[in-house]
N, C-alpha and C. Protein backbone atom coordinates (compact mmCIF):
# COMPACT_ATOMS: atom_id res chain seq x y z
N MET A 1 -160.09 135.15 13.37
CA MET A 1 -160.88 134.32 12.74
C MET A 1 -162.18 134.64 11.90
N SER A 2 -161.92 134.11 10.29
CA SER A 2 -163.20 134.85 10.15
C SER A 2 -164.96 134.58 10.33
N ALA A 3 -165.44 135.45 10.05
CA ALA A 3 -167.09 135.50 10.28
C ALA A 3 -167.86 135.14 9.22
N ALA A 4 -166.86 134.81 8.22
CA ALA A 4 -168.12 134.38 6.93
C ALA A 4 -168.11 132.81 7.20
N PHE A 5 -167.91 131.76 8.11
CA PHE A 5 -167.54 130.36 8.13
C PHE A 5 -169.09 130.71 9.33
N ASN A 6 -170.11 129.31 8.83
CA ASN A 6 -171.49 129.52 9.85
C ASN A 6 -171.33 127.72 10.33
N ILE A 7 -171.17 127.37 11.42
CA ILE A 7 -171.29 125.39 11.87
C ILE A 7 -172.61 126.02 11.71
N ARG A 8 -173.66 124.54 11.44
CA ARG A 8 -174.77 124.52 11.48
C ARG A 8 -174.46 122.83 12.31
N ARG A 9 -175.50 122.17 12.91
CA ARG A 9 -175.89 120.98 12.92
C ARG A 9 -176.44 119.84 11.79
N ALA A 10 -176.55 118.55 11.12
CA ALA A 10 -176.46 118.28 9.80
C ALA A 10 -177.88 117.47 10.46
N ALA A 11 -177.89 116.79 8.97
CA ALA A 11 -179.58 116.48 9.10
C ALA A 11 -179.08 115.55 8.08
N SER A 12 -180.07 114.21 7.94
CA SER A 12 -180.11 113.93 6.79
C SER A 12 -180.59 114.11 5.58
N ALA A 13 -181.13 115.15 5.09
CA ALA A 13 -181.03 115.35 4.37
C ALA A 13 -179.67 116.53 3.73
N ASP A 14 -178.38 116.13 4.72
CA ASP A 14 -176.83 116.54 4.18
C ASP A 14 -176.66 115.50 4.04
N ALA A 15 -176.43 114.02 3.86
CA ALA A 15 -176.12 112.98 3.65
C ALA A 15 -175.77 112.86 2.17
N ALA A 16 -175.77 113.15 1.07
CA ALA A 16 -174.97 113.73 0.45
C ALA A 16 -173.95 115.18 -0.14
N THR A 17 -174.08 116.02 0.57
CA THR A 17 -173.50 116.72 0.72
C THR A 17 -171.86 116.11 1.56
N LEU A 18 -172.53 115.47 2.77
CA LEU A 18 -171.07 114.97 3.88
C LEU A 18 -170.53 113.89 3.41
N THR A 19 -171.37 113.32 1.90
CA THR A 19 -170.80 112.30 0.93
C THR A 19 -169.88 112.46 0.33
N GLN A 20 -169.73 113.94 -0.43
CA GLN A 20 -168.73 114.29 -1.59
C GLN A 20 -167.97 115.26 -1.09
N LEU A 21 -168.35 115.46 0.44
CA LEU A 21 -167.04 116.62 0.84
C LEU A 21 -166.46 115.73 1.53
N SER A 22 -166.68 114.34 1.73
CA SER A 22 -165.65 113.37 2.75
C SER A 22 -164.81 113.18 1.55
N LYS A 23 -165.25 112.77 0.17
CA LYS A 23 -164.31 112.40 -0.73
C LYS A 23 -163.55 114.03 -1.08
N ASP A 24 -163.73 115.01 -1.37
CA ASP A 24 -162.95 115.75 -1.83
C ASP A 24 -162.12 116.02 -1.11
N THR A 25 -162.77 116.14 0.55
CA THR A 25 -161.60 116.44 1.06
C THR A 25 -160.72 115.56 1.49
N PHE A 26 -160.89 114.37 1.64
CA PHE A 26 -160.11 112.48 1.55
C PHE A 26 -158.54 113.00 0.20
N VAL A 27 -159.88 112.87 -0.82
CA VAL A 27 -158.72 113.14 -1.73
C VAL A 27 -157.30 114.65 -2.07
N GLU A 28 -158.05 115.76 -1.47
CA GLU A 28 -157.20 116.39 -1.22
C GLU A 28 -156.32 116.88 -0.34
N THR A 29 -156.16 116.08 1.36
CA THR A 29 -155.43 115.44 1.53
C THR A 29 -154.55 114.45 1.89
N PHE A 30 -155.21 113.04 0.88
CA PHE A 30 -154.41 111.97 1.45
C PHE A 30 -154.21 111.41 0.32
N GLY A 31 -155.09 112.16 -1.63
CA GLY A 31 -155.08 111.06 -2.59
C GLY A 31 -153.91 111.20 -3.04
N HIS A 32 -153.27 111.75 -2.92
CA HIS A 32 -151.54 111.67 -3.59
C HIS A 32 -150.30 109.92 -2.75
N LEU A 33 -151.25 109.65 -1.83
CA LEU A 33 -150.69 108.94 -1.26
C LEU A 33 -151.07 107.26 -1.92
N TYR A 34 -152.16 107.51 -2.29
CA TYR A 34 -152.63 105.70 -2.82
C TYR A 34 -152.49 105.44 -4.58
N SER A 35 -153.06 104.40 -4.85
CA SER A 35 -152.78 104.41 -6.72
C SER A 35 -154.06 104.63 -6.87
N PRO A 36 -154.70 105.06 -8.22
CA PRO A 36 -155.72 105.66 -8.36
C PRO A 36 -157.06 104.39 -7.81
N GLU A 37 -156.26 102.74 -8.27
CA GLU A 37 -157.62 102.65 -7.95
C GLU A 37 -157.80 101.87 -6.27
N ASP A 38 -156.62 101.78 -5.35
CA ASP A 38 -157.35 101.78 -4.19
C ASP A 38 -158.07 102.78 -3.77
N LEU A 39 -157.25 104.09 -4.55
CA LEU A 39 -158.29 105.16 -3.85
C LEU A 39 -159.72 105.10 -4.16
N SER A 40 -159.70 105.20 -5.08
CA SER A 40 -161.15 104.51 -6.26
C SER A 40 -161.98 104.17 -5.51
N ASN A 41 -161.51 103.19 -5.03
CA ASN A 41 -162.11 101.79 -4.30
C ASN A 41 -162.75 102.19 -2.32
N TYR A 42 -161.60 102.47 -2.20
CA TYR A 42 -161.77 103.21 -1.09
C TYR A 42 -162.98 103.84 -0.73
N LEU A 43 -162.91 105.46 -1.05
CA LEU A 43 -164.28 106.44 -1.69
C LEU A 43 -165.54 106.18 -1.87
N THR A 44 -165.32 104.48 -3.10
CA THR A 44 -166.81 104.24 -3.23
C THR A 44 -166.98 103.17 -2.21
N HIS A 45 -166.52 102.65 -1.21
CA HIS A 45 -167.34 101.91 -0.25
C HIS A 45 -167.33 102.55 1.24
N THR A 46 -165.92 104.00 1.47
CA THR A 46 -166.17 104.12 2.83
C THR A 46 -166.87 105.15 2.71
N TYR A 47 -166.94 105.77 1.92
CA TYR A 47 -167.92 107.43 1.57
C TYR A 47 -169.08 106.95 1.32
N THR A 48 -170.46 107.00 1.81
CA THR A 48 -171.97 106.95 0.97
C THR A 48 -173.38 107.20 1.43
N GLU A 49 -173.43 107.38 1.01
CA GLU A 49 -175.08 108.70 1.33
C GLU A 49 -175.76 107.64 2.08
N LYS A 50 -175.89 105.95 1.92
CA LYS A 50 -176.01 105.41 2.89
C LYS A 50 -175.58 104.91 4.35
N GLY A 51 -174.73 105.20 4.43
CA GLY A 51 -173.70 105.43 5.19
C GLY A 51 -173.79 106.40 6.00
N TYR A 52 -174.32 107.45 6.03
CA TYR A 52 -174.45 108.70 6.83
C TYR A 52 -176.24 108.30 6.74
N LEU A 53 -176.91 108.52 6.11
CA LEU A 53 -178.06 107.54 6.32
C LEU A 53 -178.50 106.49 8.15
N ASP A 54 -177.62 106.06 7.45
CA ASP A 54 -177.67 104.83 8.54
C ASP A 54 -177.14 105.44 10.16
N GLY A 55 -176.01 106.36 9.45
CA GLY A 55 -175.55 106.65 11.25
C GLY A 55 -176.17 107.58 11.77
N PHE A 56 -177.08 108.44 11.28
CA PHE A 56 -178.09 109.30 11.61
C PHE A 56 -178.89 108.86 12.30
N ASN A 57 -180.58 108.27 11.58
CA ASN A 57 -180.99 107.64 11.41
C ASN A 57 -181.37 106.12 12.74
N GLU A 58 -179.98 105.68 13.05
CA GLU A 58 -180.03 103.94 13.40
C GLU A 58 -178.50 104.01 14.09
N LEU A 59 -177.96 104.39 14.06
CA LEU A 59 -176.52 103.79 15.10
C LEU A 59 -176.05 105.62 15.95
N GLY A 60 -177.05 106.32 16.02
CA GLY A 60 -176.40 107.28 17.12
C GLY A 60 -175.37 108.26 16.72
N TYR A 61 -175.49 108.93 15.43
CA TYR A 61 -173.78 109.17 14.98
C TYR A 61 -175.08 110.53 14.68
N ALA A 62 -173.69 111.47 15.00
CA ALA A 62 -174.26 113.12 14.17
C ALA A 62 -173.15 113.99 13.78
N ALA A 63 -173.63 114.70 13.62
CA ALA A 63 -172.55 115.60 12.11
C ALA A 63 -172.60 117.63 12.44
N TRP A 64 -171.76 117.73 12.06
CA TRP A 64 -172.06 119.31 11.72
C TRP A 64 -171.43 119.36 10.65
N LEU A 65 -172.28 120.93 10.28
CA LEU A 65 -171.35 120.99 8.73
C LEU A 65 -170.52 122.98 9.06
N LEU A 66 -169.89 122.45 8.32
CA LEU A 66 -168.81 124.56 8.23
C LEU A 66 -169.52 124.61 6.78
N GLU A 67 -169.50 126.02 6.99
CA GLU A 67 -170.34 125.91 5.41
C GLU A 67 -169.94 128.36 5.28
N ASP A 68 -169.61 128.60 4.48
CA ASP A 68 -168.94 129.89 3.42
C ASP A 68 -170.31 129.67 4.32
N ALA A 69 -169.64 131.48 3.25
CA ALA A 69 -170.66 132.84 3.68
C ALA A 69 -172.28 132.99 2.18
N HIS A 70 -171.77 132.11 1.45
CA HIS A 70 -172.96 131.26 0.11
C HIS A 70 -174.15 129.85 1.15
N GLY A 71 -173.63 129.43 2.20
CA GLY A 71 -173.93 128.50 2.38
C GLY A 71 -173.04 127.28 1.43
N ALA A 72 -171.79 127.30 1.19
CA ALA A 72 -170.82 126.10 0.50
C ALA A 72 -170.40 125.50 1.25
N PRO A 73 -170.15 123.72 1.92
CA PRO A 73 -169.88 123.11 2.98
C PRO A 73 -168.24 123.39 2.04
N VAL A 74 -167.46 123.14 3.70
CA VAL A 74 -166.35 123.50 3.42
C VAL A 74 -165.84 123.04 4.31
N GLY A 75 -166.28 122.34 5.44
CA GLY A 75 -165.65 121.15 6.21
C GLY A 75 -166.96 120.62 7.56
N PHE A 76 -166.43 119.46 8.26
CA PHE A 76 -167.46 119.13 8.82
C PHE A 76 -167.19 118.40 10.02
N ALA A 77 -167.65 117.97 11.12
CA ALA A 77 -167.16 116.84 12.33
C ALA A 77 -168.33 115.67 12.30
N TYR A 78 -167.54 114.50 12.53
CA TYR A 78 -168.67 113.58 11.72
C TYR A 78 -168.60 112.35 13.77
N ALA A 79 -169.09 112.30 14.32
CA ALA A 79 -168.94 111.92 15.73
C ALA A 79 -170.02 110.41 16.01
N GLY A 80 -169.89 109.42 16.75
CA GLY A 80 -170.82 108.42 17.24
C GLY A 80 -170.09 108.17 17.92
N PRO A 81 -170.98 106.80 18.64
CA PRO A 81 -170.24 105.94 19.18
C PRO A 81 -169.29 105.00 19.16
N ALA A 82 -167.80 104.92 20.12
CA ALA A 82 -166.88 104.50 19.89
C ALA A 82 -166.87 102.91 19.35
N ASP A 83 -165.87 102.72 17.92
CA ASP A 83 -166.32 101.76 17.58
C ASP A 83 -164.73 101.01 16.74
N ILE A 84 -163.53 101.88 17.55
CA ILE A 84 -162.49 102.00 16.92
C ILE A 84 -161.24 100.51 18.10
N PRO A 85 -161.27 100.19 17.31
CA PRO A 85 -160.41 98.60 17.76
C PRO A 85 -159.05 98.28 18.50
N HIS A 86 -159.82 98.83 19.69
CA HIS A 86 -159.16 99.22 21.43
C HIS A 86 -159.58 98.01 22.40
N ALA A 87 -158.68 97.59 23.25
CA ALA A 87 -160.30 96.69 24.14
C ALA A 87 -160.10 97.34 24.82
N GLU A 88 -159.78 98.28 25.14
CA GLU A 88 -160.27 99.58 26.49
C GLU A 88 -161.36 100.42 25.77
N VAL A 89 -161.95 100.54 24.57
CA VAL A 89 -163.01 100.59 24.68
C VAL A 89 -165.09 100.49 24.82
N GLN A 90 -165.47 100.63 25.74
CA GLN A 90 -166.35 100.51 26.64
C GLN A 90 -168.21 100.94 26.14
N PRO A 91 -169.24 99.92 25.74
CA PRO A 91 -170.32 100.41 25.76
C PRO A 91 -170.46 102.03 26.37
N GLY A 92 -170.99 103.01 25.39
CA GLY A 92 -171.28 104.87 26.27
C GLY A 92 -169.95 105.26 25.23
N ASP A 93 -169.14 104.79 24.87
CA ASP A 93 -167.51 105.67 24.38
C ASP A 93 -167.54 106.14 23.48
N MET A 94 -167.44 107.19 22.85
CA MET A 94 -167.42 108.49 22.21
C MET A 94 -166.26 108.22 21.31
N GLN A 95 -166.77 108.65 20.06
CA GLN A 95 -165.12 108.68 18.77
C GLN A 95 -165.57 109.42 17.58
N LEU A 96 -164.27 110.70 18.20
CA LEU A 96 -164.75 111.43 16.43
C LEU A 96 -164.12 110.74 15.75
N LEU A 97 -164.86 110.66 14.45
CA LEU A 97 -164.85 109.55 12.89
C LEU A 97 -164.09 110.81 12.00
N ARG A 98 -164.63 111.45 12.04
CA ARG A 98 -163.53 112.57 10.89
C ARG A 98 -164.42 114.13 11.49
N LEU A 99 -163.12 114.83 10.76
CA LEU A 99 -163.08 116.18 10.94
C LEU A 99 -161.97 116.31 9.93
N TYR A 100 -162.55 116.63 8.90
CA TYR A 100 -162.54 116.89 7.62
C TYR A 100 -162.51 118.76 6.75
N LEU A 101 -162.26 119.38 6.84
CA LEU A 101 -161.96 120.94 6.37
C LEU A 101 -161.09 121.16 5.01
N ARG A 102 -161.51 121.52 4.31
CA ARG A 102 -160.90 121.55 2.72
C ARG A 102 -159.15 122.91 3.22
N LYS A 103 -158.79 122.75 2.04
CA LYS A 103 -157.18 123.73 2.78
C LYS A 103 -157.82 124.91 2.85
N SER A 104 -158.84 125.52 2.09
CA SER A 104 -158.97 127.00 2.34
C SER A 104 -159.92 127.14 3.02
N ALA A 105 -160.38 126.33 3.92
CA ALA A 105 -160.77 126.45 5.59
C ALA A 105 -159.77 126.56 6.56
N GLN A 106 -158.67 125.79 6.04
CA GLN A 106 -157.37 125.91 7.69
C GLN A 106 -157.61 126.51 7.93
N SER A 107 -157.08 126.47 8.79
CA SER A 107 -155.98 127.14 9.61
C SER A 107 -156.55 129.07 10.10
N GLY A 108 -157.64 128.46 9.97
CA GLY A 108 -158.38 129.62 10.72
C GLY A 108 -158.95 130.14 12.07
N GLY A 109 -159.20 129.05 13.03
CA GLY A 109 -159.87 128.40 13.77
C GLY A 109 -160.98 127.56 13.90
N TRP A 110 -161.62 127.23 12.73
CA TRP A 110 -162.46 127.05 12.09
C TRP A 110 -162.48 124.79 12.46
N GLY A 111 -161.26 124.40 12.95
CA GLY A 111 -161.02 123.57 13.07
C GLY A 111 -161.21 122.86 14.51
N ALA A 112 -161.25 124.06 15.19
CA ALA A 112 -160.55 123.84 16.45
C ALA A 112 -162.51 124.06 17.03
N ARG A 113 -163.18 124.86 16.32
CA ARG A 113 -164.29 125.37 16.59
C ARG A 113 -165.82 123.79 16.87
N LEU A 114 -165.51 122.95 15.11
CA LEU A 114 -166.21 122.15 15.21
C LEU A 114 -165.56 121.08 16.38
N MET A 115 -164.32 121.44 16.58
CA MET A 115 -163.94 119.76 17.35
C MET A 115 -164.69 120.46 18.45
N GLU A 116 -164.38 121.47 19.38
CA GLU A 116 -165.75 121.54 20.78
C GLU A 116 -166.91 121.56 20.22
N THR A 117 -167.42 121.74 19.05
CA THR A 117 -169.18 121.56 19.48
C THR A 117 -168.95 119.69 19.20
N ALA A 118 -168.33 119.31 18.49
CA ALA A 118 -168.08 118.01 18.35
C ALA A 118 -167.81 116.96 20.07
N MET A 119 -167.01 117.49 20.23
CA MET A 119 -166.60 117.28 21.87
C MET A 119 -168.01 117.53 22.60
N ALA A 120 -167.69 118.71 23.13
CA ALA A 120 -169.68 118.63 23.78
C ALA A 120 -170.78 117.89 23.67
N TRP A 121 -171.16 117.24 22.30
CA TRP A 121 -172.20 116.16 21.97
C TRP A 121 -171.71 115.51 22.78
N MET A 122 -170.07 114.75 22.50
CA MET A 122 -170.07 113.55 23.32
C MET A 122 -169.90 113.46 24.36
N GLU A 123 -169.28 114.85 24.94
CA GLU A 123 -169.19 114.76 26.45
C GLU A 123 -170.42 114.53 27.56
N ALA A 124 -171.84 114.86 26.40
CA ALA A 124 -173.06 115.14 27.43
C ALA A 124 -173.83 113.79 27.32
N SER A 125 -172.68 112.85 26.71
CA SER A 125 -172.81 111.54 26.93
C SER A 125 -172.70 111.01 28.05
N ALA A 126 -172.05 111.34 28.17
CA ALA A 126 -171.08 111.27 29.58
C ALA A 126 -170.61 109.58 29.85
N PRO A 127 -169.76 110.03 28.36
CA PRO A 127 -168.36 108.36 27.93
C PRO A 127 -167.61 107.90 29.51
N ARG A 128 -167.17 107.07 29.35
CA ARG A 128 -165.30 107.40 30.15
C ARG A 128 -164.47 107.35 29.16
N ASN A 129 -164.49 107.51 27.88
CA ASN A 129 -163.47 108.10 26.99
C ASN A 129 -164.01 108.38 25.38
N LEU A 130 -162.87 109.53 25.80
CA LEU A 130 -163.33 109.89 24.15
C LEU A 130 -162.31 108.68 23.44
N TRP A 131 -162.47 108.64 21.56
CA TRP A 131 -161.78 108.23 21.24
C TRP A 131 -162.13 108.80 19.80
N ILE A 132 -160.42 108.85 19.62
CA ILE A 132 -160.16 109.60 17.92
C ILE A 132 -158.56 108.12 16.89
N GLY A 133 -159.31 108.06 15.98
CA GLY A 133 -157.68 107.32 15.26
C GLY A 133 -157.30 108.29 13.95
N VAL A 134 -155.99 109.03 14.07
CA VAL A 134 -154.98 109.80 13.56
C VAL A 134 -154.19 108.76 12.86
N TRP A 135 -154.01 109.39 11.29
CA TRP A 135 -152.92 108.52 10.43
C TRP A 135 -151.35 108.49 11.30
N SER A 136 -150.72 108.34 11.73
CA SER A 136 -149.16 108.26 12.13
C SER A 136 -148.82 109.15 11.81
N GLU A 137 -148.21 109.48 10.53
CA GLU A 137 -147.73 110.07 9.93
C GLU A 137 -148.64 111.45 9.63
N ASN A 138 -149.42 111.72 10.42
CA ASN A 138 -149.96 113.38 9.64
C ASN A 138 -149.88 113.93 11.21
N LEU A 139 -148.69 114.58 11.19
CA LEU A 139 -147.47 115.17 12.42
C LEU A 139 -149.01 116.49 13.02
N GLY A 140 -149.33 117.23 12.43
CA GLY A 140 -150.58 118.55 12.54
C GLY A 140 -151.73 117.61 12.79
N ALA A 141 -152.42 117.07 12.75
CA ALA A 141 -153.34 116.23 13.13
C ALA A 141 -152.96 115.91 14.77
N GLN A 142 -152.03 115.11 14.70
CA GLN A 142 -151.21 114.72 16.37
C GLN A 142 -151.53 115.47 17.66
N ARG A 143 -150.62 117.25 16.85
CA ARG A 143 -150.87 118.09 17.67
C ARG A 143 -151.97 118.69 17.73
N PHE A 144 -153.00 119.44 16.34
CA PHE A 144 -154.37 119.18 17.15
C PHE A 144 -154.70 118.71 18.43
N TYR A 145 -155.19 117.51 18.03
CA TYR A 145 -155.62 116.35 18.76
C TYR A 145 -154.88 116.26 20.09
N ALA A 146 -153.68 116.87 20.79
CA ALA A 146 -153.34 116.57 21.61
C ALA A 146 -153.65 117.94 22.29
N ARG A 147 -153.96 118.82 21.65
CA ARG A 147 -154.22 120.36 22.77
C ARG A 147 -155.29 119.74 23.06
N PHE A 148 -156.50 119.00 22.57
CA PHE A 148 -157.71 118.74 23.39
C PHE A 148 -157.82 118.01 24.13
N GLY A 149 -156.60 117.48 24.37
CA GLY A 149 -156.23 116.53 26.03
C GLY A 149 -155.95 114.65 25.54
N PHE A 150 -155.85 114.63 24.14
CA PHE A 150 -155.98 113.08 23.48
C PHE A 150 -154.66 113.07 23.27
N GLU A 151 -154.66 111.45 23.93
CA GLU A 151 -152.96 110.99 24.36
C GLU A 151 -152.95 109.60 23.46
N HIS A 152 -151.84 109.08 22.76
CA HIS A 152 -151.39 107.81 22.15
C HIS A 152 -151.24 106.76 23.16
N ALA A 153 -153.34 106.10 22.61
CA ALA A 153 -153.43 105.06 23.57
C ALA A 153 -153.13 103.18 22.74
N GLY A 154 -152.87 103.31 22.01
CA GLY A 154 -152.39 102.03 20.45
C GLY A 154 -152.39 102.39 19.32
N ASP A 155 -151.96 101.64 18.65
CA ASP A 155 -152.09 101.85 17.29
C ASP A 155 -152.76 100.57 16.47
N TYR A 156 -153.29 100.56 15.59
CA TYR A 156 -154.04 99.47 14.28
C TYR A 156 -153.25 100.03 13.17
N LEU A 157 -153.44 98.95 12.46
CA LEU A 157 -153.55 98.77 10.40
C LEU A 157 -154.50 99.22 10.05
N TYR A 158 -154.80 100.24 9.48
CA TYR A 158 -156.22 100.49 8.78
C TYR A 158 -156.11 100.63 7.28
N PRO A 159 -156.87 99.21 6.59
CA PRO A 159 -156.98 99.54 5.62
C PRO A 159 -157.39 100.56 3.98
N VAL A 160 -156.28 101.26 2.82
CA VAL A 160 -156.88 101.88 2.54
C VAL A 160 -156.90 100.78 0.09
N GLY A 161 -157.29 99.40 0.36
CA GLY A 161 -157.16 99.41 -1.13
C GLY A 161 -155.80 98.20 -0.32
N GLU A 162 -155.07 98.46 -0.73
CA GLU A 162 -153.90 97.43 -0.45
C GLU A 162 -152.62 98.16 0.51
N THR A 163 -152.90 99.64 0.58
CA THR A 163 -151.81 99.93 1.16
C THR A 163 -152.86 99.65 2.77
N ASN A 164 -152.51 99.44 3.86
CA ASN A 164 -152.07 99.25 5.12
C ASN A 164 -151.57 100.30 5.89
N ASP A 165 -152.69 101.27 6.70
CA ASP A 165 -152.11 102.55 6.59
C ASP A 165 -151.75 102.65 8.24
N LEU A 166 -150.90 102.64 8.70
CA LEU A 166 -150.43 102.61 10.49
C LEU A 166 -151.16 103.96 11.33
N GLU A 167 -152.61 103.22 12.07
CA GLU A 167 -153.14 104.33 12.75
C GLU A 167 -152.61 104.87 14.26
N PHE A 168 -152.38 105.53 14.38
CA PHE A 168 -152.40 106.21 15.86
C PHE A 168 -154.33 105.93 16.70
N ILE A 169 -154.39 105.24 17.75
CA ILE A 169 -154.93 105.08 18.09
C ILE A 169 -155.01 106.87 19.25
N LEU A 170 -155.91 107.13 19.70
CA LEU A 170 -156.15 107.79 20.81
C LEU A 170 -157.13 108.50 21.14
N ARG A 171 -156.80 108.61 22.87
CA ARG A 171 -157.67 108.84 23.76
C ARG A 171 -157.58 110.01 24.74
N LYS A 172 -159.17 110.01 24.85
CA LYS A 172 -158.96 110.99 26.09
C LYS A 172 -159.81 110.86 27.18
N PRO A 173 -159.89 110.12 28.11
CA PRO A 173 -160.26 109.66 29.83
C PRO A 173 -161.18 111.01 30.05
N LEU A 174 -162.61 110.29 30.64
CA LEU A 174 -163.59 111.60 30.78
C LEU A 174 -163.80 111.67 32.51
N ALA A 175 -163.33 109.84 32.45
CA ALA A 175 -163.65 109.70 33.88
C ALA A 175 -163.13 109.30 35.13
């Protein structure tokens, strides 16, 4: 594992960085799947500075930035109260909403370190379950989350413009 990276808790001042990193990593990983119009509309409405600020200041979310040796952001985890569309989600349950890394930061163990950091924070709130939504065709992410004890618990359609992606709902029971 490279010592050239550092994980730190993000703050409201990092909202613009998280917004840009969200857009960059989504396009890098999934951009080829969507029309330019759908992709542009999705990025504009999904990843916003206001969304991150509201998450930090009002909604109880937290994020952790992965930075290279020069302080440049290369990944992050974002978690908070669960709002995934599953009948068994209870108040107090937590959800990992995003675990995004630039390709240059993948396969070095840093995704797992970010995951462990976010899970420790989520578990500290004593939820009954932890939740994650993952694209049904992202087999690598599904294997990754399974290593942390997450299991398939349902499905839903996630709209990206005119495209509805089949998402798997993953759950890790804690109680």
